[in-house]
Amino acid sequence: MILGAFATLINNLPIPAYTNFMDSVFSKTVGKGAEKAYIWTKFGGNAWSGTFAILSVFIVFLVAYNLGKSYNINPLAAGVTALGSFFAAGGLAGMDSMGLFVALIVAMISTEILRRLLGNKHLVIKMPDGVPPAVSQSFAALLPSMITIAVFSLFATILLGFGVENIVTSFYKAVQEPFQGLANSYPSALLLAFITPFLWFFGLHGANMIEPFMQTINAPTITANLNAIKAGKADILLTNHSLIHLLT
């Protein structure tokens, strides 16, 4: 996220002398019409594609990986299965922060399903002695992983029959987008600013407890800010983090 933010900043420094210098040195342009841009700006675009653009992919794998590790099951199998389940559920349409909520939900549910299926001895393919542990673990998780991904694929297909074309985009429009609008307001910033010290009063780490919740709101807002900057818009959205810092 830091790399993507810096790359966008480099592309959009509000210094005319800097922009004119870069345009003159790297004078070649790419694209046509509204997409036409100097080639040097593609550095930031490419860096964004490898960071913010696949944020949900990172999240779904890493959450499942660490959850699997906490359950003492093959963490790599948990991460890969969650990643496959995410794409089976339509994650290709929300690999950036738009699919963050769905990525978290899929990571947790897929790992829970995988954990229970791995406990079924009838679904575990046992390899002969002498087979490398990595290969043996892969075959042990083969059928549970296939079933887990198939469950999410079936779920997405059933929803399609009810007119829900994509889980990620539909969830974003129905839940996350309005929630963000509610959360990035002055009253909610006051509430969240109050919750952190309130939890500390009871001996609970307020910042750590609130931060995961805040990131699911702020990450899409940060992406919207970056898109606004890249589009040359002067008006930048104010995130709840900014409001809280102003209040405190």
C-alpha atoms as a PDB file:
ATOM      1  CA  MET A   1       0.000   0.000   0.000  1.00  0.00           C
ATOM      2  CA  ILE A   2       2.886   2.358   0.817  1.00  0.00           C
ATOM      3  CA  LEU A   3       4.552   1.596  -2.517  1.00  0.00           C
ATOM      4  CA  GLY A   4       1.311   2.220  -4.424  1.00  0.00           C
ATOM      5  CA  ALA A   5       0.760   5.489  -2.569  1.00  0.00           C
ATOM      6  CA  PHE A   6       4.304   6.713  -3.245  1.00  0.00           C
ATOM      7  CA  ALA A   7       4.078   5.737  -6.918  1.00  0.00           C
ATOM      8  CA  THR A   8       0.875   7.733  -7.303  1.00  0.00           C
ATOM      9  CA  LEU A   9       2.456  10.676  -5.479  1.00  0.00           C
ATOM     10  CA  ILE A  10       5.470  10.614  -7.817  1.00  0.00           C
ATOM     11  CA  ASN A  11       3.135  10.681 -10.800  1.00  0.00           C
ATOM     12  CA  ASN A  12       1.092  13.574  -9.451  1.00  0.00           C
ATOM     13  CA  LEU A  13       3.411  15.957  -7.606  1.00  0.00           C
ATOM     14  CA  PRO A  14       1.725  19.382  -7.777  1.00  0.00           C
ATOM     15  CA  ILE A  15       4.910  21.051  -9.012  1.00  0.00           C
ATOM     16  CA  PRO A  16       4.638  22.305 -12.615  1.00  0.00           C
ATOM     17  CA  ALA A  17       8.434  22.490 -13.028  1.00  0.00           C
ATOM     18  CA  TYR A  18       8.773  18.824 -12.075  1.00  0.00           C
ATOM     19  CA  THR A  19       5.966  17.735 -14.409  1.00  0.00           C
ATOM     20  CA  ASN A  20       7.316  19.769 -17.318  1.00  0.00           C
ATOM     21  CA  PHE A  21      10.827  18.376 -16.762  1.00  0.00           C
ATOM     22  CA  MET A  22       9.589  14.759 -16.728  1.00  0.00           C
ATOM     23  CA  ASP A  23       7.410  15.347 -19.804  1.00  0.00           C
ATOM     24  CA  SER A  24      10.381  16.781 -21.706  1.00  0.00           C
ATOM     25  CA  VAL A  25      12.798  14.014 -20.731  1.00  0.00           C
ATOM     26  CA  PHE A  26      10.315  11.186 -21.309  1.00  0.00           C
ATOM     27  CA  SER A  27       8.444  12.783 -24.179  1.00  0.00           C
ATOM     28  CA  LYS A  28       7.008   9.543 -25.600  1.00  0.00           C
ATOM     29  CA  THR A  29       3.263   9.111 -25.056  1.00  0.00           C
ATOM     30  CA  VAL A  30       1.088   6.016 -24.933  1.00  0.00           C
ATOM     31  CA  GLY A  31      -2.642   5.495 -25.346  1.00  0.00           C
ATOM     32  CA  LYS A  32      -5.228   7.506 -27.208  1.00  0.00           C
ATOM     33  CA  GLY A  33      -7.837  10.133 -26.348  1.00  0.00           C
ATOM     34  CA  ALA A  34      -8.579  10.372 -22.623  1.00  0.00           C
ATOM     35  CA  GLU A  35      -6.185   7.483 -21.946  1.00  0.00           C
ATOM     36  CA  LYS A  36      -3.238   9.248 -23.574  1.00  0.00           C
ATOM     37  CA  ALA A  37      -0.376   9.842 -21.120  1.00  0.00           C
ATOM     38  CA  TYR A  38       3.378  10.332 -21.007  1.00  0.00           C
ATOM     39  CA  ILE A  39       5.177   7.022 -20.692  1.00  0.00           C
ATOM     40  CA  TRP A  40       6.918   7.960 -17.422  1.00  0.00           C
ATOM     41  CA  THR A  41       3.543   8.049 -15.650  1.00  0.00           C
ATOM     42  CA  LYS A  42       3.112   4.341 -16.349  1.00  0.00           C
ATOM     43  CA  PHE A  43       5.606   3.617 -13.569  1.00  0.00           C
ATOM     44  CA  GLY A  44       3.057   4.693 -10.974  1.00  0.00           C
ATOM     45  CA  GLY A  45       0.258   2.914 -12.800  1.00  0.00           C
ATOM     46  CA  ASN A  46       2.189  -0.336 -12.925  1.00  0.00           C
ATOM     47  CA  ALA A  47       3.150  -0.075  -9.250  1.00  0.00           C
ATOM     48  CA  TRP A  48      -0.512   0.552  -8.391  1.00  0.00           C
ATOM     49  CA  SER A  49      -1.472  -2.560 -10.362  1.00  0.00           C
ATOM     50  CA  GLY A  50       0.874  -4.615  -8.190  1.00  0.00           C
ATOM     51  CA  THR A  51      -0.312  -3.159  -4.879  1.00  0.00           C
ATOM     52  CA  PHE A  52      -3.710  -1.490  -4.449  1.00  0.00           C
ATOM     53  CA  ALA A  53      -5.189  -3.263  -7.463  1.00  0.00           C
ATOM     54  CA  ILE A  54      -4.740  -6.697  -5.850  1.00  0.00           C
ATOM     55  CA  LEU A  55      -5.164  -5.769  -2.183  1.00  0.00           C
ATOM     56  CA  SER A  56      -8.048  -8.220  -1.644  1.00  0.00           C
ATOM     57  CA  VAL A  57      -5.989 -11.034  -3.160  1.00  0.00           C
ATOM     58  CA  PHE A  58      -3.293 -10.432  -0.546  1.00  0.00           C
ATOM     59  CA  ILE A  59      -5.859 -10.260   2.238  1.00  0.00           C
ATOM     60  CA  VAL A  60      -7.787 -13.431   1.374  1.00  0.00           C
ATOM     61  CA  PHE A  61      -4.603 -15.503   1.149  1.00  0.00           C
ATOM     62  CA  LEU A  62      -2.849 -14.112   4.231  1.00  0.00           C
ATOM     63  CA  VAL A  63      -5.903 -14.218   6.514  1.00  0.00           C
ATOM     64  CA  ALA A  64      -6.595 -17.835   5.560  1.00  0.00           C
ATOM     65  CA  TYR A  65      -2.903 -18.724   5.821  1.00  0.00           C
ATOM     66  CA  ASN A  66      -2.610 -17.392   9.378  1.00  0.00           C
ATOM     67  CA  LEU A  67      -5.984 -18.785  10.422  1.00  0.00           C
ATOM     68  CA  GLY A  68      -4.936 -22.208   9.120  1.00  0.00           C
ATOM     69  CA  LYS A  69      -1.676 -21.933  11.046  1.00  0.00           C
ATOM     70  CA  SER A  70      -3.606 -21.177  14.241  1.00  0.00           C
ATOM     71  CA  TYR A  71      -5.691 -24.338  13.648  1.00  0.00           C
ATOM     72  CA  ASN A  72      -2.540 -26.427  13.054  1.00  0.00           C
ATOM     73  CA  ILE A  73      -3.619 -27.356   9.545  1.00  0.00           C
ATOM     74  CA  ASN A  74      -1.565 -26.887   6.392  1.00  0.00           C
ATOM     75  CA  PRO A  75      -1.475 -23.062   6.175  1.00  0.00           C
ATOM     76  CA  LEU A  76      -0.450 -23.044   2.513  1.00  0.00           C
ATOM     77  CA  ALA A  77      -3.416 -25.272   1.635  1.00  0.00           C
ATOM     78  CA  ALA A  78      -5.703 -22.947   3.598  1.00  0.00           C
ATOM     79  CA  GLY A  79      -4.368 -19.876   1.788  1.00  0.00           C
ATOM     80  CA  VAL A  80      -4.539 -21.387  -1.686  1.00  0.00           C
ATOM     81  CA  THR A  81      -8.020 -22.821  -1.059  1.00  0.00           C
ATOM     82  CA  ALA A  82      -9.288 -19.446   0.155  1.00  0.00           C
ATOM     83  CA  LEU A  83      -7.789 -17.760  -2.888  1.00  0.00           C
ATOM     84  CA  GLY A  84      -9.486 -20.264  -5.207  1.00  0.00           C
ATOM     85  CA  SER A  85     -12.767 -19.862  -3.311  1.00  0.00           C
ATOM     86  CA  PHE A  86     -12.558 -16.081  -3.624  1.00  0.00           C
ATOM     87  CA  PHE A  87     -12.185 -16.242  -7.399  1.00  0.00           C
ATOM     88  CA  ALA A  88     -14.855 -18.953  -7.640  1.00  0.00           C
ATOM     89  CA  ALA A  89     -17.213 -16.557  -5.845  1.00  0.00           C
ATOM     90  CA  GLY A  90     -16.508 -13.776  -8.348  1.00  0.00           C
ATOM     91  CA  GLY A  91     -13.419 -12.183  -6.819  1.00  0.00           C
ATOM     92  CA  LEU A  92     -11.979 -11.313 -10.209  1.00  0.00           C
ATOM     93  CA  ALA A  93     -14.314  -8.298 -10.247  1.00  0.00           C
ATOM     94  CA  GLY A  94     -13.060  -7.038  -6.882  1.00  0.00           C
ATOM     95  CA  MET A  95      -9.355  -7.762  -6.514  1.00  0.00           C
ATOM     96  CA  ASP A  96      -8.722  -4.237  -5.244  1.00  0.00           C
ATOM     97  CA  SER A  97     -10.080  -2.806  -1.996  1.00  0.00           C
ATOM     98  CA  MET A  98     -13.639  -3.044  -3.318  1.00  0.00           C
ATOM     99  CA  GLY A  99     -13.612  -6.770  -2.518  1.00  0.00           C
ATOM    100  CA  LEU A 100     -12.046  -6.395   0.928  1.00  0.00           C
ATOM    101  CA  PHE A 101     -15.106  -7.331   2.983  1.00  0.00           C
ATOM    102  CA  VAL A 102     -15.866 -10.356   0.806  1.00  0.00           C
ATOM    103  CA  ALA A 103     -12.198 -11.393   0.904  1.00  0.00           C
ATOM    104  CA  LEU A 104     -12.250 -11.422   4.718  1.00  0.00           C
ATOM    105  CA  ILE A 105     -15.501 -13.387   4.839  1.00  0.00           C
ATOM    106  CA  VAL A 106     -14.376 -15.936   2.230  1.00  0.00           C
ATOM    107  CA  ALA A 107     -11.006 -16.400   3.948  1.00  0.00           C
ATOM    108  CA  MET A 108     -12.640 -17.249   7.268  1.00  0.00           C
ATOM    109  CA  ILE A 109     -15.469 -19.426   5.946  1.00  0.00           C
ATOM    110  CA  SER A 110     -13.300 -21.385   3.491  1.00  0.00           C
ATOM    111  CA  THR A 111     -10.737 -22.137   6.206  1.00  0.00           C
ATOM    112  CA  GLU A 112     -13.453 -23.296   8.588  1.00  0.00           C
ATOM    113  CA  ILE A 113     -14.864 -25.615   5.908  1.00  0.00           C
ATOM    114  CA  LEU A 114     -11.391 -26.896   4.994  1.00  0.00           C
ATOM    115  CA  ARG A 115     -10.532 -27.569   8.642  1.00  0.00           C
ATOM    116  CA  ARG A 116     -13.598 -29.738   9.113  1.00  0.00           C
ATOM    117  CA  LEU A 117     -13.114 -31.613   5.856  1.00  0.00           C
ATOM    118  CA  LEU A 118      -9.468 -32.318   6.701  1.00  0.00           C
ATOM    119  CA  GLY A 119     -10.732 -33.984   9.875  1.00  0.00           C
ATOM    120  CA  ASN A 120     -12.674 -36.500   7.781  1.00  0.00           C
ATOM    121  CA  LYS A 121     -10.386 -39.487   7.240  1.00  0.00           C
ATOM    122  CA  HIS A 122     -12.428 -40.606   4.215  1.00  0.00           C
ATOM    123  CA  LEU A 123     -11.443 -37.436   2.332  1.00  0.00           C
ATOM    124  CA  VAL A 124      -7.723 -37.638   3.027  1.00  0.00           C
ATOM    125  CA  ILE A 125      -5.583 -39.289   0.345  1.00  0.00           C
ATOM    126  CA  LYS A 126      -2.688 -40.978   2.136  1.00  0.00           C
ATOM    127  CA  MET A 127       0.564 -41.424   0.256  1.00  0.00           C
ATOM    128  CA  PRO A 128       3.037 -44.298   0.763  1.00  0.00           C
ATOM    129  CA  ASP A 129       5.982 -43.931   3.113  1.00  0.00           C
ATOM    130  CA  GLY A 130       8.960 -42.255   1.525  1.00  0.00           C
ATOM    131  CA  VAL A 131       6.915 -39.639  -0.309  1.00  0.00           C
ATOM    132  CA  PRO A 132       8.227 -36.120   0.460  1.00  0.00           C
ATOM    133  CA  PRO A 133       6.165 -34.371   3.180  1.00  0.00           C
ATOM    134  CA  ALA A 134       5.236 -31.480   0.876  1.00  0.00           C
ATOM    135  CA  VAL A 135       3.740 -33.866  -1.679  1.00  0.00           C
ATOM    136  CA  SER A 136       1.987 -35.885   1.022  1.00  0.00           C
ATOM    137  CA  GLN A 137       0.422 -32.753   2.540  1.00  0.00           C
ATOM    138  CA  SER A 138      -0.736 -31.574  -0.870  1.00  0.00           C
ATOM    139  CA  PHE A 139      -2.560 -34.836  -1.558  1.00  0.00           C
ATOM    140  CA  ALA A 140      -4.031 -34.862   1.955  1.00  0.00           C
ATOM    141  CA  ALA A 141      -5.636 -31.462   1.268  1.00  0.00           C
ATOM    142  CA  LEU A 142      -6.602 -32.214  -2.348  1.00  0.00           C
ATOM    143  CA  LEU A 143     -10.195 -33.435  -1.907  1.00  0.00           C
ATOM    144  CA  PRO A 144     -11.066 -31.009   0.953  1.00  0.00           C
ATOM    145  CA  SER A 145      -9.764 -28.106  -1.137  1.00  0.00           C
ATOM    146  CA  MET A 146     -11.700 -29.221  -4.210  1.00  0.00           C
ATOM    147  CA  ILE A 147     -14.909 -29.528  -2.207  1.00  0.00           C
ATOM    148  CA  THR A 148     -14.439 -26.151  -0.513  1.00  0.00           C
ATOM    149  CA  ILE A 149     -13.869 -24.297  -3.785  1.00  0.00           C
ATOM    150  CA  ALA A 150     -16.788 -26.180  -5.363  1.00  0.00           C
ATOM    151  CA  VAL A 151     -19.055 -25.002  -2.505  1.00  0.00           C
ATOM    152  CA  PHE A 152     -18.278 -21.353  -3.243  1.00  0.00           C
ATOM    153  CA  SER A 153     -18.671 -21.953  -6.963  1.00  0.00           C
ATOM    154  CA  LEU A 154     -22.082 -23.533  -6.379  1.00  0.00           C
ATOM    155  CA  PHE A 155     -23.115 -20.694  -4.077  1.00  0.00           C
ATOM    156  CA  ALA A 156     -22.190 -18.098  -6.708  1.00  0.00           C
ATOM    157  CA  THR A 157     -24.107 -20.087  -9.348  1.00  0.00           C
ATOM    158  CA  ILE A 158     -27.225 -20.266  -7.173  1.00  0.00           C
ATOM    159  CA  LEU A 159     -27.092 -16.515  -6.578  1.00  0.00           C
ATOM    160  CA  LEU A 160     -26.741 -16.001 -10.319  1.00  0.00           C
ATOM    161  CA  GLY A 161     -30.033 -17.834 -10.729  1.00  0.00           C
ATOM    162  CA  PHE A 162     -31.608 -15.243  -8.427  1.00  0.00           C
ATOM    163  CA  GLY A 163     -30.214 -12.376 -10.494  1.00  0.00           C
ATOM    164  CA  VAL A 164     -27.051 -11.629  -8.495  1.00  0.00           C
ATOM    165  CA  GLU A 165     -24.443 -11.503 -11.240  1.00  0.00           C
ATOM    166  CA  ASN A 166     -21.429 -10.980  -8.992  1.00  0.00           C
ATOM    167  CA  ILE A 167     -21.178 -11.374  -5.219  1.00  0.00           C
ATOM    168  CA  VAL A 168     -18.356  -8.870  -4.786  1.00  0.00           C
ATOM    169  CA  THR A 169     -19.859  -5.982  -6.731  1.00  0.00           C
ATOM    170  CA  SER A 170     -23.368  -6.645  -5.391  1.00  0.00           C
ATOM    171  CA  PHE A 171     -22.129  -6.758  -1.801  1.00  0.00           C
ATOM    172  CA  TYR A 172     -20.124  -3.577  -2.309  1.00  0.00           C
ATOM    173  CA  LYS A 173     -23.105  -1.671  -3.693  1.00  0.00           C
ATOM    174  CA  ALA A 174     -25.570  -3.018  -1.130  1.00  0.00           C
ATOM    175  CA  VAL A 175     -23.483  -2.884   2.052  1.00  0.00           C
ATOM    176  CA  GLN A 176     -19.970  -1.501   1.838  1.00  0.00           C
ATOM    177  CA  GLU A 177     -20.615   1.610  -0.254  1.00  0.00           C
ATOM    178  CA  PRO A 178     -23.441   3.011   1.939  1.00  0.00           C
ATOM    179  CA  PHE A 179     -21.501   1.982   5.062  1.00  0.00           C
ATOM    180  CA  GLN A 180     -18.489   3.965   3.882  1.00  0.00           C
ATOM    181  CA  GLY A 181     -20.679   7.003   3.330  1.00  0.00           C
ATOM    182  CA  LEU A 182     -21.978   6.654   6.876  1.00  0.00           C
ATOM    183  CA  ALA A 183     -18.563   5.984   8.375  1.00  0.00           C
ATOM    184  CA  ASN A 184     -16.784   8.919   6.756  1.00  0.00           C
ATOM    185  CA  SER A 185     -18.847  11.552   8.510  1.00  0.00           C
ATOM    186  CA  TYR A 186     -18.167  13.903  11.401  1.00  0.00           C
ATOM    187  CA  PRO A 187     -20.543  12.230  13.932  1.00  0.00           C
ATOM    188  CA  SER A 188     -19.128   8.758  13.239  1.00  0.00           C
ATOM    189  CA  ALA A 189     -15.579  10.125  13.538  1.00  0.00           C
ATOM    190  CA  LEU A 190     -16.534  11.512  16.969  1.00  0.00           C
ATOM    191  CA  LEU A 191     -17.948   8.114  17.947  1.00  0.00           C
ATOM    192  CA  LEU A 192     -14.863   6.220  16.804  1.00  0.00           C
ATOM    193  CA  ALA A 193     -12.594   8.756  18.496  1.00  0.00           C
ATOM    194  CA  PHE A 194     -14.538   8.088  21.705  1.00  0.00           C
ATOM    195  CA  ILE A 195     -14.508   4.274  21.426  1.00  0.00           C
ATOM    196  CA  THR A 196     -10.694   3.954  21.511  1.00  0.00           C
ATOM    197  CA  PRO A 197     -10.130   5.652  24.917  1.00  0.00           C
ATOM    198  CA  PHE A 198     -13.376   4.107  26.206  1.00  0.00           C
ATOM    199  CA  LEU A 199     -11.953   0.620  25.602  1.00  0.00           C
ATOM    200  CA  TRP A 200      -8.656   1.660  27.173  1.00  0.00           C
ATOM    201  CA  PHE A 201     -10.638   2.622  30.309  1.00  0.00           C
ATOM    202  CA  PHE A 202     -11.491  -1.084  30.715  1.00  0.00           C
ATOM    203  CA  GLY A 203      -7.895  -2.146  30.079  1.00  0.00           C
ATOM    204  CA  LEU A 204      -8.482  -3.144  26.449  1.00  0.00           C
ATOM    205  CA  HIS A 205      -6.176  -2.039  23.630  1.00  0.00           C
ATOM    206  CA  GLY A 206      -8.651   0.286  21.941  1.00  0.00           C
ATOM    207  CA  ALA A 207      -6.492   1.173  18.932  1.00  0.00           C
ATOM    208  CA  ASN A 208      -5.755  -2.457  18.096  1.00  0.00           C
ATOM    209  CA  MET A 209      -9.398  -3.448  18.420  1.00  0.00           C
ATOM    210  CA  ILE A 210     -10.693  -0.591  16.251  1.00  0.00           C
ATOM    211  CA  GLU A 211      -7.940  -0.633  13.617  1.00  0.00           C
ATOM    212  CA  PRO A 212      -9.095  -3.779  11.702  1.00  0.00           C
ATOM    213  CA  PHE A 213     -12.574  -2.289  11.493  1.00  0.00           C
ATOM    214  CA  MET A 214     -11.169   1.057  10.364  1.00  0.00           C
ATOM    215  CA  GLN A 215      -8.986  -0.469   7.658  1.00  0.00           C
ATOM    216  CA  THR A 216     -11.965  -2.060   5.928  1.00  0.00           C
ATOM    217  CA  ILE A 217     -13.432   1.445   5.650  1.00  0.00           C
ATOM    218  CA  ASN A 218     -10.261   3.404   4.954  1.00  0.00           C
ATOM    219  CA  ALA A 219      -8.690   1.140   2.326  1.00  0.00           C
ATOM    220  CA  PRO A 220     -11.463   1.727  -0.259  1.00  0.00           C
ATOM    221  CA  THR A 221     -11.464   5.446   0.614  1.00  0.00           C
ATOM    222  CA  ILE A 222      -7.692   5.638   0.114  1.00  0.00           C
ATOM    223  CA  THR A 223      -8.147   3.968  -3.264  1.00  0.00           C
ATOM    224  CA  ALA A 224     -10.838   6.518  -4.168  1.00  0.00           C
ATOM    225  CA  ASN A 225      -8.453   9.303  -3.167  1.00  0.00           C
ATOM    226  CA  LEU A 226      -5.688   7.883  -5.348  1.00  0.00           C
ATOM    227  CA  ASN A 227      -8.077   7.527  -8.287  1.00  0.00           C
ATOM    228  CA  ALA A 228      -9.160  11.146  -7.801  1.00  0.00           C
ATOM    229  CA  ILE A 229      -5.540  12.300  -7.799  1.00  0.00           C
ATOM    230  CA  LYS A 230      -4.739  10.241 -10.887  1.00  0.00           C
ATOM    231  CA  ALA A 231      -7.750  11.779 -12.634  1.00  0.00           C
ATOM    232  CA  GLY A 232      -6.460  15.271 -11.804  1.00  0.00           C
ATOM    233  CA  LYS A 233      -9.256  16.147  -9.400  1.00  0.00           C
ATOM    234  CA  ALA A 234      -8.456  18.687  -6.729  1.00  0.00           C
ATOM    235  CA  ASP A 235     -11.157  17.631  -4.277  1.00  0.00           C
ATOM    236  CA  ILE A 236      -9.861  14.797  -2.105  1.00  0.00           C
ATOM    237  CA  LEU A 237     -12.083  12.714   0.127  1.00  0.00           C
ATOM    238  CA  LEU A 238     -11.452  13.051   3.853  1.00  0.00           C
ATOM    239  CA  THR A 239     -11.102   9.674   5.543  1.00  0.00           C
ATOM    240  CA  ASN A 240     -12.188   8.908   9.063  1.00  0.00           C
ATOM    241  CA  HIS A 241      -8.533   8.631  10.075  1.00  0.00           C
ATOM    242  CA  SER A 242      -8.041  12.270   9.050  1.00  0.00           C
ATOM    243  CA  LEU A 243     -11.116  13.355  10.943  1.00  0.00           C
ATOM    244  CA  ILE A 244     -10.011  11.524  14.070  1.00  0.00           C
ATOM    245  CA  HIS A 245      -6.552  13.082  13.890  1.00  0.00           C
ATOM    246  CA  LEU A 246      -8.144  16.502  13.560  1.00  0.00           C
ATOM    247  CA  LEU A 247     -10.366  15.811  16.537  1.00  0.00           C
ATOM    248  CA  THR A 248      -7.548  14.545  18.741  1.00  0.00           C
END
